[in-house]
Amino acid sequence: MPDTNQAARSTAGKDAAPARVSYARLWIIAVTVLILDQVTKLWIVNAVPAGANPYQGGMIEVIPNFFYIIHVYNDGAAWSIFSGYSFILGLLGFVALGAIYFFRKQLELQRPFVQIIFGLLTGGIVGNMIDRFAYGHVVDFLDFHFGDYRYPAFNVADCGITIGVGLYIVLSVIEAIKEHRAKTAAQKQ
């Protein structure tokens, strides 16, 4: 007589493997962003003297009057908003990661392009969280100047987060347009 429990275990094992594999793209991108972020920050910490003001610390001129490598601390979020709340911002990173995990089906993380988006976001969030909990601030070093305007310094993790959010907005707009066109076409029939 066949063992039905063994057949059930065999079927469950087959279903579980694709679920793990289906997020491989997300994990590869997240780990890549995280490694790039942490390696570049480690280099900055060891190679460029820090300063509260970018012009008090060290500076490497990459493209004159446009792009510099500096070493500054940011204990806030983008543009230094919420300065002094680095620990709380780190905890918000845990909340964001938890939300991504909890809403993974609604976010359609099984889709390849969505995995790219959330891989960028996850790698960036974790990269900045490591800084916040290890140093009490984020290490920023990419410094761009546009004439008299100096864009706030940022890092690789910030790039991952910004690009991920930008791609998510683009994807949302494209899908909204497709949905609108489908509804319009259905109403015409």
N, C-alpha and C. Protein backbone atom coordinates (compact mmCIF):
# COMPACT_ATOMS: atom_id res chain seq x y z
N MET A 1 0.85 -1.18 0.00
CA MET A 1 0.00 0.00 0.00
C MET A 1 0.90 1.25 0.00
N PRO A 2 0.66 2.22 -0.90
CA PRO A 2 1.50 3.41 -0.96
C PRO A 2 1.34 4.28 0.27
N ASP A 3 2.43 4.92 0.66
CA ASP A 3 2.44 5.81 1.81
C ASP A 3 1.98 7.20 1.35
N THR A 4 0.75 7.60 1.73
CA THR A 4 0.21 8.89 1.29
C THR A 4 0.94 10.06 1.94
N ASN A 5 1.46 9.87 3.16
CA ASN A 5 2.22 10.93 3.81
C ASN A 5 3.50 11.23 3.04
N GLN A 6 4.15 10.16 2.52
CA GLN A 6 5.37 10.36 1.75
C GLN A 6 5.05 11.14 0.47
N ALA A 7 3.94 10.82 -0.18
CA ALA A 7 3.55 11.54 -1.38
C ALA A 7 3.28 13.01 -1.06
N ALA A 8 2.64 13.28 0.07
CA ALA A 8 2.35 14.66 0.48
C ALA A 8 3.64 15.42 0.76
N ARG A 9 4.59 14.73 1.45
CA ARG A 9 5.88 15.38 1.73
C ARG A 9 6.63 15.66 0.44
N SER A 10 6.56 14.74 -0.51
CA SER A 10 7.22 14.91 -1.79
C SER A 10 6.64 16.10 -2.54
N THR A 11 5.33 16.23 -2.55
CA THR A 11 4.66 17.35 -3.23
C THR A 11 5.00 18.66 -2.54
N ALA A 12 5.00 18.68 -1.21
CA ALA A 12 5.32 19.90 -0.47
C ALA A 12 6.74 20.34 -0.77
N GLY A 13 7.65 19.39 -0.84
CA GLY A 13 9.05 19.72 -1.14
C GLY A 13 9.20 20.32 -2.52
N LYS A 14 8.43 19.80 -3.49
CA LYS A 14 8.48 20.34 -4.85
C LYS A 14 7.96 21.77 -4.89
N ASP A 15 6.90 22.07 -4.14
CA ASP A 15 6.33 23.42 -4.13
C ASP A 15 7.25 24.39 -3.40
N ALA A 16 7.95 23.94 -2.37
CA ALA A 16 8.79 24.83 -1.57
C ALA A 16 10.03 25.26 -2.34
N ALA A 17 10.60 24.39 -3.14
CA ALA A 17 11.83 24.73 -3.87
C ALA A 17 11.62 25.91 -4.81
N PRO A 18 10.58 25.92 -5.67
CA PRO A 18 10.41 27.07 -6.55
C PRO A 18 10.17 28.38 -5.78
N ALA A 19 9.51 28.30 -4.62
CA ALA A 19 9.27 29.52 -3.84
C ALA A 19 10.60 30.12 -3.38
N ARG A 20 11.53 29.29 -2.96
CA ARG A 20 12.84 29.79 -2.54
C ARG A 20 13.60 30.35 -3.73
N VAL A 21 13.57 29.65 -4.83
CA VAL A 21 14.30 30.05 -6.02
C VAL A 21 13.69 31.31 -6.64
N SER A 22 12.40 31.49 -6.52
CA SER A 22 11.74 32.61 -7.18
C SER A 22 12.22 33.97 -6.66
N TYR A 23 12.80 34.03 -5.48
CA TYR A 23 13.30 35.28 -4.93
C TYR A 23 14.81 35.44 -5.13
N ALA A 24 15.43 34.55 -5.90
CA ALA A 24 16.89 34.59 -6.08
C ALA A 24 17.36 35.93 -6.64
N ARG A 25 16.65 36.46 -7.63
CA ARG A 25 17.04 37.73 -8.24
C ARG A 25 17.04 38.84 -7.19
N LEU A 26 16.01 38.90 -6.37
CA LEU A 26 15.92 39.91 -5.32
C LEU A 26 17.13 39.80 -4.39
N TRP A 27 17.45 38.58 -3.94
CA TRP A 27 18.56 38.39 -2.99
C TRP A 27 19.90 38.72 -3.62
N ILE A 28 20.10 38.33 -4.87
CA ILE A 28 21.38 38.62 -5.54
C ILE A 28 21.58 40.12 -5.65
N ILE A 29 20.56 40.85 -6.05
CA ILE A 29 20.66 42.30 -6.18
C ILE A 29 20.84 42.94 -4.81
N ALA A 30 20.07 42.51 -3.82
CA ALA A 30 20.19 43.08 -2.47
C ALA A 30 21.59 42.87 -1.91
N VAL A 31 22.12 41.67 -2.04
CA VAL A 31 23.46 41.39 -1.51
C VAL A 31 24.52 42.17 -2.29
N THR A 32 24.35 42.31 -3.60
CA THR A 32 25.30 43.08 -4.41
C THR A 32 25.32 44.54 -3.98
N VAL A 33 24.14 45.15 -3.82
CA VAL A 33 24.06 46.54 -3.36
C VAL A 33 24.68 46.67 -1.98
N LEU A 34 24.36 45.75 -1.09
CA LEU A 34 24.89 45.79 0.28
C LEU A 34 26.42 45.70 0.28
N ILE A 35 26.98 44.76 -0.48
CA ILE A 35 28.44 44.61 -0.52
C ILE A 35 29.10 45.85 -1.10
N LEU A 36 28.58 46.35 -2.23
CA LEU A 36 29.13 47.58 -2.82
C LEU A 36 29.07 48.74 -1.83
N ASP A 37 27.96 48.85 -1.15
CA ASP A 37 27.78 49.92 -0.17
C ASP A 37 28.80 49.81 0.96
N GLN A 38 28.90 48.66 1.55
CA GLN A 38 29.78 48.51 2.71
C GLN A 38 31.26 48.58 2.33
N VAL A 39 31.63 48.05 1.16
CA VAL A 39 33.03 48.12 0.72
C VAL A 39 33.42 49.57 0.44
N THR A 40 32.56 50.32 -0.24
CA THR A 40 32.88 51.72 -0.54
C THR A 40 32.93 52.55 0.74
N LYS A 41 32.03 52.30 1.68
CA LYS A 41 32.06 53.03 2.95
C LYS A 41 33.31 52.69 3.76
N LEU A 42 33.71 51.44 3.74
CA LEU A 42 34.93 51.03 4.44
C LEU A 42 36.14 51.74 3.85
N TRP A 43 36.17 51.83 2.52
CA TRP A 43 37.27 52.54 1.86
C TRP A 43 37.27 54.02 2.27
N ILE A 44 36.10 54.64 2.27
CA ILE A 44 36.00 56.05 2.64
C ILE A 44 36.46 56.27 4.08
N VAL A 45 35.98 55.44 4.99
CA VAL A 45 36.34 55.58 6.41
C VAL A 45 37.85 55.49 6.59
N ASN A 46 38.51 54.63 5.81
CA ASN A 46 39.95 54.43 5.95
C ASN A 46 40.81 55.35 5.09
N ALA A 47 40.24 55.95 4.05
CA ALA A 47 41.07 56.72 3.11
C ALA A 47 40.83 58.22 3.13
N VAL A 48 39.66 58.65 3.58
CA VAL A 48 39.33 60.07 3.50
C VAL A 48 39.00 60.57 4.91
N PRO A 49 39.75 61.57 5.41
CA PRO A 49 39.45 62.10 6.75
C PRO A 49 38.03 62.66 6.82
N ALA A 50 37.37 62.40 7.93
CA ALA A 50 35.98 62.85 8.11
C ALA A 50 35.92 64.29 8.56
N GLY A 51 34.80 64.91 8.27
CA GLY A 51 34.53 66.26 8.73
C GLY A 51 33.04 66.48 8.87
N ALA A 52 32.64 67.24 9.86
CA ALA A 52 31.22 67.56 10.04
C ALA A 52 30.75 68.37 8.83
N ASN A 53 31.61 69.20 8.34
CA ASN A 53 31.38 69.97 7.13
C ASN A 53 32.26 69.34 6.06
N PRO A 54 31.75 69.10 4.86
CA PRO A 54 32.56 68.41 3.85
C PRO A 54 33.87 69.12 3.52
N TYR A 55 33.96 70.40 3.81
CA TYR A 55 35.17 71.13 3.48
C TYR A 55 36.14 71.20 4.66
N GLN A 56 35.75 70.61 5.79
CA GLN A 56 36.67 70.50 6.93
C GLN A 56 37.44 69.19 6.87
N GLY A 57 36.84 68.17 6.29
CA GLY A 57 37.48 66.87 6.18
C GLY A 57 38.27 66.76 4.89
N GLY A 58 38.55 65.52 4.52
CA GLY A 58 39.28 65.28 3.28
C GLY A 58 38.36 65.36 2.09
N MET A 59 38.96 65.57 0.93
CA MET A 59 38.18 65.68 -0.29
C MET A 59 39.03 65.18 -1.45
N ILE A 60 38.44 64.38 -2.31
CA ILE A 60 39.11 63.93 -3.53
C ILE A 60 38.33 64.53 -4.70
N GLU A 61 38.99 65.35 -5.47
CA GLU A 61 38.34 65.97 -6.62
C GLU A 61 38.37 64.97 -7.78
N VAL A 62 37.19 64.52 -8.22
CA VAL A 62 37.08 63.57 -9.31
C VAL A 62 36.89 64.32 -10.63
N ILE A 63 35.89 65.19 -10.67
CA ILE A 63 35.63 66.07 -11.81
C ILE A 63 35.57 67.49 -11.25
N PRO A 64 36.55 68.34 -11.58
CA PRO A 64 36.60 69.69 -11.00
C PRO A 64 35.27 70.43 -11.11
N ASN A 65 34.90 71.07 -10.02
CA ASN A 65 33.69 71.88 -9.93
C ASN A 65 32.40 71.11 -10.15
N PHE A 66 32.46 69.75 -10.07
CA PHE A 66 31.26 68.96 -10.27
C PHE A 66 31.15 67.78 -9.32
N PHE A 67 32.15 66.89 -9.29
CA PHE A 67 32.04 65.64 -8.52
C PHE A 67 33.25 65.45 -7.62
N TYR A 68 32.96 65.24 -6.32
CA TYR A 68 34.00 65.06 -5.31
C TYR A 68 33.68 63.83 -4.46
N ILE A 69 34.71 63.22 -3.93
CA ILE A 69 34.56 62.18 -2.91
C ILE A 69 34.91 62.84 -1.59
N ILE A 70 33.98 62.79 -0.64
CA ILE A 70 34.20 63.40 0.67
C ILE A 70 33.87 62.35 1.74
N HIS A 71 33.97 62.73 2.99
CA HIS A 71 33.62 61.82 4.08
C HIS A 71 32.87 62.62 5.13
N VAL A 72 31.55 62.47 5.13
CA VAL A 72 30.71 63.16 6.11
C VAL A 72 29.78 62.17 6.79
N TYR A 73 29.31 62.55 7.95
CA TYR A 73 28.37 61.74 8.71
C TYR A 73 26.98 62.34 8.56
N ASN A 74 25.99 61.47 8.50
CA ASN A 74 24.60 61.92 8.47
C ASN A 74 23.83 61.09 9.48
N ASP A 75 23.41 61.73 10.56
CA ASP A 75 22.63 61.00 11.57
C ASP A 75 21.13 61.22 11.36
N GLY A 76 20.78 61.70 10.17
CA GLY A 76 19.38 61.88 9.81
C GLY A 76 19.04 61.06 8.59
N ALA A 77 18.01 61.48 7.89
CA ALA A 77 17.60 60.82 6.65
C ALA A 77 18.06 61.69 5.48
N ALA A 78 17.43 61.57 4.34
CA ALA A 78 17.80 62.35 3.17
C ALA A 78 17.77 63.84 3.51
N TRP A 79 18.75 64.57 2.98
CA TRP A 79 18.90 66.00 3.23
C TRP A 79 19.01 66.30 4.73
N SER A 80 19.45 65.33 5.50
CA SER A 80 19.66 65.45 6.95
C SER A 80 18.37 65.74 7.73
N ILE A 81 17.20 65.46 7.13
CA ILE A 81 15.98 65.63 7.92
C ILE A 81 15.98 64.58 9.01
N PHE A 82 15.37 64.84 10.10
CA PHE A 82 15.33 63.98 11.28
C PHE A 82 16.72 63.76 11.85
N SER A 83 17.59 64.77 11.74
CA SER A 83 18.93 64.65 12.32
C SER A 83 18.83 64.38 13.81
N GLY A 84 19.71 63.51 14.28
CA GLY A 84 19.72 63.15 15.68
C GLY A 84 18.85 61.94 16.00
N TYR A 85 18.17 61.41 15.01
CA TYR A 85 17.27 60.28 15.23
C TYR A 85 17.75 59.03 14.48
N SER A 86 19.05 58.84 14.41
CA SER A 86 19.61 57.74 13.64
C SER A 86 19.11 56.38 14.11
N PHE A 87 19.03 56.17 15.43
CA PHE A 87 18.58 54.88 15.96
C PHE A 87 17.13 54.61 15.56
N ILE A 88 16.29 55.63 15.67
CA ILE A 88 14.88 55.48 15.29
C ILE A 88 14.76 55.21 13.79
N LEU A 89 15.57 55.90 12.98
CA LEU A 89 15.57 55.65 11.54
C LEU A 89 16.03 54.22 11.24
N GLY A 90 16.97 53.72 12.02
CA GLY A 90 17.40 52.33 11.87
C GLY A 90 16.26 51.37 12.18
N LEU A 91 15.50 51.67 13.23
CA LEU A 91 14.34 50.83 13.56
C LEU A 91 13.28 50.89 12.46
N LEU A 92 13.11 52.06 11.86
CA LEU A 92 12.17 52.19 10.74
C LEU A 92 12.61 51.32 9.56
N GLY A 93 13.92 51.13 9.43
CA GLY A 93 14.42 50.21 8.40
C GLY A 93 13.92 48.80 8.64
N PHE A 94 13.93 48.36 9.92
CA PHE A 94 13.38 47.04 10.25
C PHE A 94 11.89 46.98 9.90
N VAL A 95 11.17 48.04 10.18
CA VAL A 95 9.73 48.09 9.86
C VAL A 95 9.54 47.97 8.34
N ALA A 96 10.34 48.70 7.57
CA ALA A 96 10.23 48.65 6.11
C ALA A 96 10.52 47.24 5.59
N LEU A 97 11.57 46.61 6.11
CA LEU A 97 11.90 45.25 5.68
C LEU A 97 10.79 44.28 6.07
N GLY A 98 10.24 44.46 7.27
CA GLY A 98 9.12 43.62 7.70
C GLY A 98 7.91 43.79 6.81
N ALA A 99 7.64 45.03 6.41
CA ALA A 99 6.50 45.30 5.52
C ALA A 99 6.71 44.65 4.15
N ILE A 100 7.93 44.74 3.64
CA ILE A 100 8.22 44.10 2.35
C ILE A 100 7.97 42.60 2.46
N TYR A 101 8.44 41.99 3.54
CA TYR A 101 8.24 40.55 3.72
C TYR A 101 6.75 40.23 3.90
N PHE A 102 6.07 40.97 4.77
CA PHE A 102 4.67 40.69 5.08
C PHE A 102 3.77 40.87 3.86
N PHE A 103 4.05 41.89 3.04
CA PHE A 103 3.22 42.19 1.87
C PHE A 103 3.82 41.66 0.57
N ARG A 104 4.70 40.68 0.66
CA ARG A 104 5.40 40.18 -0.53
C ARG A 104 4.46 39.69 -1.62
N LYS A 105 3.34 39.09 -1.26
CA LYS A 105 2.40 38.61 -2.28
C LYS A 105 1.68 39.78 -2.94
N GLN A 106 1.23 40.75 -2.13
CA GLN A 106 0.55 41.92 -2.69
C GLN A 106 1.51 42.76 -3.54
N LEU A 107 2.80 42.78 -3.16
CA LEU A 107 3.80 43.51 -3.93
C LEU A 107 4.23 42.76 -5.18
N GLU A 108 3.78 41.51 -5.30
CA GLU A 108 4.09 40.64 -6.43
C GLU A 108 5.60 40.43 -6.59
N LEU A 109 6.25 40.09 -5.47
CA LEU A 109 7.69 39.89 -5.49
C LEU A 109 8.14 38.72 -6.33
N GLN A 110 7.22 37.89 -6.80
CA GLN A 110 7.61 36.78 -7.66
C GLN A 110 7.94 37.27 -9.07
N ARG A 111 7.52 38.49 -9.42
CA ARG A 111 7.77 39.04 -10.75
C ARG A 111 9.23 39.51 -10.85
N PRO A 112 9.91 39.17 -11.94
CA PRO A 112 11.34 39.52 -12.07
C PRO A 112 11.65 41.01 -11.92
N PHE A 113 10.90 41.89 -12.58
CA PHE A 113 11.20 43.32 -12.49
C PHE A 113 10.95 43.85 -11.08
N VAL A 114 9.92 43.35 -10.43
CA VAL A 114 9.62 43.77 -9.05
C VAL A 114 10.74 43.29 -8.12
N GLN A 115 11.32 42.13 -8.40
CA GLN A 115 12.45 41.65 -7.60
C GLN A 115 13.65 42.58 -7.74
N ILE A 116 13.88 43.10 -8.94
CA ILE A 116 14.97 44.06 -9.13
C ILE A 116 14.73 45.28 -8.26
N ILE A 117 13.51 45.81 -8.32
CA ILE A 117 13.16 47.00 -7.54
C ILE A 117 13.39 46.76 -6.04
N PHE A 118 12.83 45.67 -5.53
CA PHE A 118 12.92 45.44 -4.09
C PHE A 118 14.28 44.90 -3.67
N GLY A 119 15.04 44.36 -4.61
CA GLY A 119 16.44 44.02 -4.32
C GLY A 119 17.25 45.28 -4.07
N LEU A 120 17.04 46.29 -4.92
CA LEU A 120 17.72 47.58 -4.73
C LEU A 120 17.32 48.21 -3.40
N LEU A 121 16.02 48.22 -3.13
CA LEU A 121 15.52 48.81 -1.88
C LEU A 121 16.07 48.07 -0.65
N THR A 122 15.99 46.75 -0.67
CA THR A 122 16.42 45.96 0.48
C THR A 122 17.91 46.13 0.73
N GLY A 123 18.72 46.05 -0.32
CA GLY A 123 20.17 46.24 -0.15
C GLY A 123 20.49 47.60 0.41
N GLY A 124 19.81 48.64 -0.08
CA GLY A 124 20.04 49.99 0.42
C GLY A 124 19.60 50.18 1.86
N ILE A 125 18.44 49.65 2.19
CA ILE A 125 17.93 49.77 3.56
C ILE A 125 18.89 49.09 4.54
N VAL A 126 19.30 47.87 4.22
CA VAL A 126 20.20 47.14 5.12
C VAL A 126 21.55 47.83 5.22
N GLY A 127 22.07 48.35 4.09
CA GLY A 127 23.36 49.06 4.12
C GLY A 127 23.34 50.24 5.07
N ASN A 128 22.30 51.06 5.00
CA ASN A 128 22.22 52.21 5.90
C ASN A 128 21.90 51.80 7.34
N MET A 129 21.14 50.71 7.51
CA MET A 129 20.86 50.22 8.87
C MET A 129 22.16 49.77 9.55
N ILE A 130 23.03 49.11 8.82
CA ILE A 130 24.31 48.67 9.40
C ILE A 130 25.06 49.89 9.93
N ASP A 131 25.14 50.95 9.12
CA ASP A 131 25.82 52.17 9.56
C ASP A 131 25.17 52.75 10.82
N ARG A 132 23.86 52.84 10.80
CA ARG A 132 23.16 53.47 11.92
C ARG A 132 23.42 52.73 13.24
N PHE A 133 23.40 51.41 13.19
CA PHE A 133 23.59 50.64 14.42
C PHE A 133 25.06 50.47 14.78
N ALA A 134 25.95 50.46 13.78
CA ALA A 134 27.38 50.29 14.06
C ALA A 134 28.04 51.60 14.46
N TYR A 135 27.70 52.71 13.78
CA TYR A 135 28.38 53.99 14.00
C TYR A 135 27.49 55.07 14.63
N GLY A 136 26.17 54.88 14.58
CA GLY A 136 25.26 55.91 15.07
C GLY A 136 24.95 56.96 14.00
N HIS A 137 25.44 56.75 12.80
CA HIS A 137 25.21 57.66 11.67
C HIS A 137 25.49 56.90 10.38
N VAL A 138 25.13 57.51 9.27
CA VAL A 138 25.40 56.95 7.95
C VAL A 138 26.62 57.65 7.38
N VAL A 139 27.47 56.91 6.70
CA VAL A 139 28.64 57.47 6.04
C VAL A 139 28.23 57.87 4.63
N ASP A 140 28.33 59.16 4.32
CA ASP A 140 28.03 59.67 2.98
C ASP A 140 29.33 60.15 2.35
N PHE A 141 29.44 60.01 1.01
CA PHE A 141 30.71 60.39 0.38
C PHE A 141 30.60 60.87 -1.06
N LEU A 142 29.49 60.66 -1.72
CA LEU A 142 29.34 61.13 -3.11
C LEU A 142 28.81 62.56 -3.07
N ASP A 143 29.59 63.49 -3.61
CA ASP A 143 29.29 64.92 -3.48
C ASP A 143 29.27 65.56 -4.87
N PHE A 144 28.11 66.07 -5.28
CA PHE A 144 27.96 66.69 -6.59
C PHE A 144 27.63 68.17 -6.45
N HIS A 145 28.22 68.97 -7.34
CA HIS A 145 28.00 70.41 -7.36
C HIS A 145 27.41 70.78 -8.71
N PHE A 146 26.38 71.61 -8.69
CA PHE A 146 25.75 72.11 -9.91
C PHE A 146 25.80 73.63 -9.84
N GLY A 147 26.88 74.19 -10.36
CA GLY A 147 27.10 75.63 -10.22
C GLY A 147 27.30 75.96 -8.75
N ASP A 148 26.49 76.87 -8.22
CA ASP A 148 26.59 77.25 -6.81
C ASP A 148 25.85 76.28 -5.89
N TYR A 149 25.05 75.39 -6.48
CA TYR A 149 24.26 74.45 -5.66
C TYR A 149 25.07 73.18 -5.40
N ARG A 150 25.15 72.81 -4.14
CA ARG A 150 25.82 71.57 -3.75
C ARG A 150 24.75 70.58 -3.31
N TYR A 151 24.59 69.50 -4.07
CA TYR A 151 23.61 68.46 -3.73
C TYR A 151 24.08 67.75 -2.46
N PRO A 152 23.17 67.41 -1.54
CA PRO A 152 23.60 66.73 -0.31
C PRO A 152 24.33 65.42 -0.62
N ALA A 153 25.41 65.18 0.10
CA ALA A 153 26.21 63.97 -0.11
C ALA A 153 25.37 62.72 0.15
N PHE A 154 25.70 61.65 -0.55
CA PHE A 154 24.96 60.40 -0.40
C PHE A 154 25.91 59.23 -0.58
N ASN A 155 25.37 58.00 -0.59
CA ASN A 155 26.20 56.80 -0.68
C ASN A 155 25.54 55.77 -1.59
N VAL A 156 26.16 54.60 -1.72
CA VAL A 156 25.64 53.55 -2.60
C VAL A 156 24.27 53.05 -2.12
N ALA A 157 24.09 52.90 -0.80
CA ALA A 157 22.80 52.46 -0.27
C ALA A 157 21.70 53.45 -0.67
N ASP A 158 21.99 54.73 -0.56
CA ASP A 158 21.02 55.75 -0.97
C ASP A 158 20.68 55.62 -2.45
N CYS A 159 21.68 55.30 -3.27
CA CYS A 159 21.44 55.09 -4.71
C CYS A 159 20.47 53.93 -4.92
N GLY A 160 20.71 52.82 -4.20
CA GLY A 160 19.82 51.67 -4.33
C GLY A 160 18.39 52.02 -3.96
N ILE A 161 18.24 52.73 -2.85
CA ILE A 161 16.90 53.12 -2.39
C ILE A 161 16.23 54.06 -3.39
N THR A 162 16.96 55.07 -3.84
CA THR A 162 16.39 56.06 -4.76
C THR A 162 16.03 55.44 -6.10
N ILE A 163 16.92 54.62 -6.65
CA ILE A 163 16.64 53.98 -7.93
C ILE A 163 15.47 53.00 -7.78
N GLY A 164 15.45 52.25 -6.67
CA GLY A 164 14.34 51.33 -6.42
C GLY A 164 13.01 52.04 -6.33
N VAL A 165 12.96 53.14 -5.59
CA VAL A 165 11.71 53.91 -5.49
C VAL A 165 11.32 54.48 -6.85
N GLY A 166 12.30 55.03 -7.58
CA GLY A 166 12.01 55.58 -8.90
C GLY A 166 11.45 54.53 -9.85
N LEU A 167 12.06 53.34 -9.87
CA LEU A 167 11.56 52.26 -10.72
C LEU A 167 10.17 51.81 -10.30
N TYR A 168 9.91 51.80 -8.99
CA TYR A 168 8.58 51.40 -8.50
C TYR A 168 7.52 52.41 -8.96
N ILE A 169 7.86 53.68 -8.92
CA ILE A 169 6.92 54.71 -9.39
C ILE A 169 6.67 54.54 -10.89
N VAL A 170 7.74 54.34 -11.67
CA VAL A 170 7.59 54.14 -13.11
C VAL A 170 6.72 52.92 -13.39
N LEU A 171 7.01 51.81 -12.72
CA LEU A 171 6.21 50.59 -12.90
C LEU A 171 4.75 50.83 -12.55
N SER A 172 4.50 51.54 -11.45
CA SER A 172 3.12 51.82 -11.03
C SER A 172 2.38 52.66 -12.07
N VAL A 173 3.06 53.65 -12.62
CA VAL A 173 2.44 54.50 -13.65
C VAL A 173 2.15 53.68 -14.90
N ILE A 174 3.11 52.88 -15.34
CA ILE A 174 2.92 52.05 -16.54
C ILE A 174 1.74 51.10 -16.34
N GLU A 175 1.67 50.47 -15.18
CA GLU A 175 0.58 49.53 -14.93
C GLU A 175 -0.76 50.24 -14.83
N ALA A 176 -0.78 51.45 -14.27
CA ALA A 176 -2.03 52.22 -14.20
C ALA A 176 -2.49 52.59 -15.60
N ILE A 177 -1.56 52.96 -16.48
CA ILE A 177 -1.91 53.30 -17.86
C ILE A 177 -2.46 52.06 -18.58
N LYS A 178 -1.79 50.92 -18.40
CA LYS A 178 -2.27 49.68 -19.04
C LYS A 178 -3.67 49.32 -18.54
N GLU A 179 -3.89 49.45 -17.24
CA GLU A 179 -5.20 49.13 -16.66
C GLU A 179 -6.28 50.08 -17.20
N HIS A 180 -5.94 51.35 -17.30
CA HIS A 180 -6.89 52.34 -17.84
C HIS A 180 -7.24 52.02 -19.29
N ARG A 181 -6.21 51.67 -20.08
CA ARG A 181 -6.44 51.35 -21.49
C ARG A 181 -7.30 50.10 -21.63
N ALA A 182 -7.06 49.10 -20.78
CA ALA A 182 -7.85 47.87 -20.82
C ALA A 182 -9.30 48.15 -20.47
N LYS A 183 -9.54 48.99 -19.45
CA LYS A 183 -10.90 49.34 -19.07
C LYS A 183 -11.60 50.11 -20.19
N THR A 184 -10.86 51.03 -20.79
CA THR A 184 -11.42 51.83 -21.88
C THR A 184 -11.78 50.95 -23.06
N ALA A 185 -10.90 50.01 -23.40
CA ALA A 185 -11.15 49.08 -24.51
C ALA A 185 -12.34 48.18 -24.20
N ALA A 186 -12.48 47.74 -22.98
CA ALA A 186 -13.59 46.87 -22.58
C ALA A 186 -14.92 47.63 -22.64
N GLN A 187 -14.90 48.92 -22.29
CA GLN A 187 -16.12 49.73 -22.31
C GLN A 187 -16.57 50.00 -23.74
N LYS A 188 -15.62 50.07 -24.68
CA LYS A 188 -15.97 50.33 -26.08
C LYS A 188 -16.62 49.13 -26.74
N GLN A 189 -16.39 47.94 -26.17
CA GLN A 189 -16.96 46.72 -26.79
C GLN A 189 -18.33 46.45 -26.37
